[in-house]
C-alpha cells in the first residue's frame, strides 16, 4: 500500500487494522460538520481542541476513503474517539503530514493551516 501525500492518501493502523485515509473536500466537510465549525476555523480547532479535531479529521478521511473505494464502513465516530487514544505517534504524524501535503489544501491557503509559503521572485532563483 503506497502512500501518496500529494493526492492526500495514506494508510495507518487504527481500530485493529490498516485503514486508508484520503484528505479531500469530503473529509474536510465531515470534520467541519462534526466539530460544528466553518472551514476558515480549522486552524483554531486544532489549537483549542487537538484530540477531538484529530479524531474528526481521521474519521472524515477514513469515511472519504471507504466511500471512494466502495468499502463497507464498519465504524462510527465513537469508535474513532477510542481508537485515537491508542494511535501511534508515527501514524499520527503520517496522517498530519499527508493532510498538510494534500493537493486539496492549496499551497497559499492550505485550509487555514499556515505552511509559511512565500511567493518566489526571479531574484530568489539560484543560478547555476
Protein backbone atom coordinates (compact mmCIF):
# COMPACT_ATOMS: atom_id res chain seq x y z
CA UNK A 1 0.00 0.00 0.00
CA UNK A 2 1.77 3.08 -1.23
CA UNK A 3 1.30 6.48 0.35
CA UNK A 4 0.67 9.39 -1.97
CA UNK A 5 0.82 12.57 0.08
CA UNK A 6 0.26 14.85 -2.92
CA UNK A 7 -3.07 13.15 -3.59
CA UNK A 8 -3.87 13.19 0.12
CA UNK A 9 -3.84 9.41 0.60
CA UNK A 10 -2.12 7.37 3.27
CA UNK A 11 -2.64 4.18 5.30
CA UNK A 12 -2.45 3.87 9.06
CA UNK A 13 -3.11 1.23 11.69
CA UNK A 14 -6.21 2.18 13.61
CA UNK A 15 -9.03 0.14 15.09
CA UNK A 16 -7.06 -3.07 14.81
CA UNK A 17 -6.49 -2.89 11.06
CA UNK A 18 -4.78 -0.96 8.29
CA UNK A 19 -7.17 1.70 7.04
CA UNK A 20 -6.93 4.08 4.11
CA UNK A 21 -7.33 7.82 4.57
CA UNK A 22 -7.95 10.36 1.84
CA UNK A 23 -7.82 14.04 2.72
CA UNK A 24 -10.19 15.54 0.22
CA UNK A 25 -13.05 18.02 0.39
CA UNK A 26 -15.44 15.31 1.62
CA UNK A 27 -13.12 14.53 4.56
CA UNK A 28 -12.83 18.21 5.45
CA UNK A 29 -16.60 18.65 5.20
CA UNK A 30 -17.20 15.70 7.55
CA UNK A 31 -14.69 17.17 10.00
CA UNK A 32 -16.23 20.65 9.90
CA UNK A 33 -19.74 19.25 10.37
CA UNK A 34 -18.61 17.08 13.27
CA UNK A 35 -16.87 19.96 15.01
CA UNK A 36 -19.69 22.35 14.09
CA UNK A 37 -17.23 24.88 12.65
CA UNK A 38 -16.81 26.80 9.43
CA UNK A 39 -13.99 25.88 7.07
CA UNK A 40 -11.98 29.00 7.92
CA UNK A 41 -11.81 27.98 11.61
CA UNK A 42 -9.87 24.73 11.08
CA UNK A 43 -6.60 26.06 12.47
CA UNK A 44 -8.30 27.34 15.63
CA UNK A 45 -9.94 23.94 16.13
CA UNK A 46 -6.55 22.22 16.12
CA UNK A 47 -5.20 24.73 18.62
CA UNK A 48 -8.13 24.62 21.03
CA UNK A 49 -9.36 21.02 20.68
CA UNK A 50 -6.41 18.95 19.48
CA UNK A 51 -7.58 15.40 20.20
CA UNK A 52 -11.19 15.95 19.16
CA UNK A 53 -10.05 17.69 15.96
CA UNK A 54 -7.61 14.88 15.18
CA UNK A 55 -10.34 12.27 15.70
CA UNK A 56 -12.76 14.09 13.39
CA UNK A 57 -10.05 14.65 10.78
CA UNK A 58 -9.01 11.00 10.68
CA UNK A 59 -12.62 9.82 10.84
CA UNK A 60 -13.57 12.09 7.92
CA UNK A 61 -10.57 10.92 5.88
CA UNK A 62 -11.37 7.27 6.57
CA UNK A 63 -15.05 7.71 5.60
CA UNK A 64 -13.99 9.57 2.43
CA UNK A 65 -11.53 6.78 1.53
CA UNK A 66 -14.03 3.98 2.14
CA UNK A 67 -16.80 5.72 0.22
CA UNK A 68 -14.44 6.44 -2.69
CA UNK A 69 -13.43 2.76 -2.83
CA UNK A 70 -16.94 1.33 -2.12
CA UNK A 71 -15.79 -0.30 1.13
CA UNK A 72 -18.08 -1.22 4.00
CA UNK A 73 -17.99 1.29 6.83
CA UNK A 74 -17.64 -0.83 9.98
CA UNK A 75 -17.11 2.02 12.48
CA UNK A 76 -18.53 5.28 13.74
CA UNK A 77 -17.10 8.44 15.32
CA UNK A 78 -17.37 6.89 18.79
CA UNK A 79 -15.02 4.11 17.67
CA UNK A 80 -12.57 6.72 16.42
CA UNK A 81 -12.60 8.55 19.75
CA UNK A 82 -11.48 5.28 21.39
CA UNK A 83 -9.03 4.37 18.63
CA UNK A 84 -7.33 7.78 18.54
CA UNK A 85 -6.33 7.34 22.17
CA UNK A 86 -4.11 4.45 21.07
CA UNK A 87 -2.90 5.65 17.68
CA UNK A 88 0.88 5.52 17.31
CA UNK A 89 2.97 8.66 17.06
CA UNK A 90 4.17 7.53 13.63
CA UNK A 91 0.64 7.06 12.30
CA UNK A 92 -0.45 10.41 13.73
CA UNK A 93 2.50 12.11 12.02
CA UNK A 94 1.77 10.26 8.76
CA UNK A 95 -1.85 11.41 8.80
CA UNK A 96 -0.97 15.03 9.60
CA UNK A 97 1.86 15.22 7.03
CA UNK A 98 -0.42 13.78 4.37
CA UNK A 99 -3.21 16.19 5.33
CA UNK A 100 -0.90 19.20 5.06
CA UNK A 101 0.74 17.99 1.81
CA UNK A 102 -2.59 17.20 0.15
CA UNK A 103 -3.40 18.98 -3.10
CA UNK A 104 -6.84 19.61 -1.64
CA UNK A 105 -5.12 22.16 0.56
CA UNK A 106 -3.95 24.80 -1.84
CA UNK A 107 -0.39 25.97 -1.38
CA UNK A 108 -1.15 29.51 -0.24
CA UNK A 109 -4.28 28.98 1.86
CA UNK A 110 -3.71 25.40 3.00
CA UNK A 111 -7.19 25.26 4.52
CA UNK A 112 -6.21 27.82 7.10
CA UNK A 113 -3.11 25.92 8.25
CA UNK A 114 -0.03 28.06 7.81
CA UNK A 115 2.82 26.42 5.90
CA UNK A 116 4.72 29.72 5.65
CA UNK A 117 4.61 29.58 1.85
CA UNK A 118 6.09 32.64 0.21
CA UNK A 119 5.94 33.66 -3.41
CA UNK A 120 9.24 33.42 -5.19
CA UNK A 121 10.76 36.12 -7.37
CA UNK A 122 13.32 35.76 -10.13
CA UNK A 123 15.93 37.14 -7.73
CA UNK A 124 15.26 34.19 -5.40
CA UNK A 125 16.12 31.63 -8.06
CA UNK A 126 19.59 30.21 -7.62
CA UNK A 127 21.61 30.41 -10.83
CA UNK A 128 23.97 27.59 -11.77
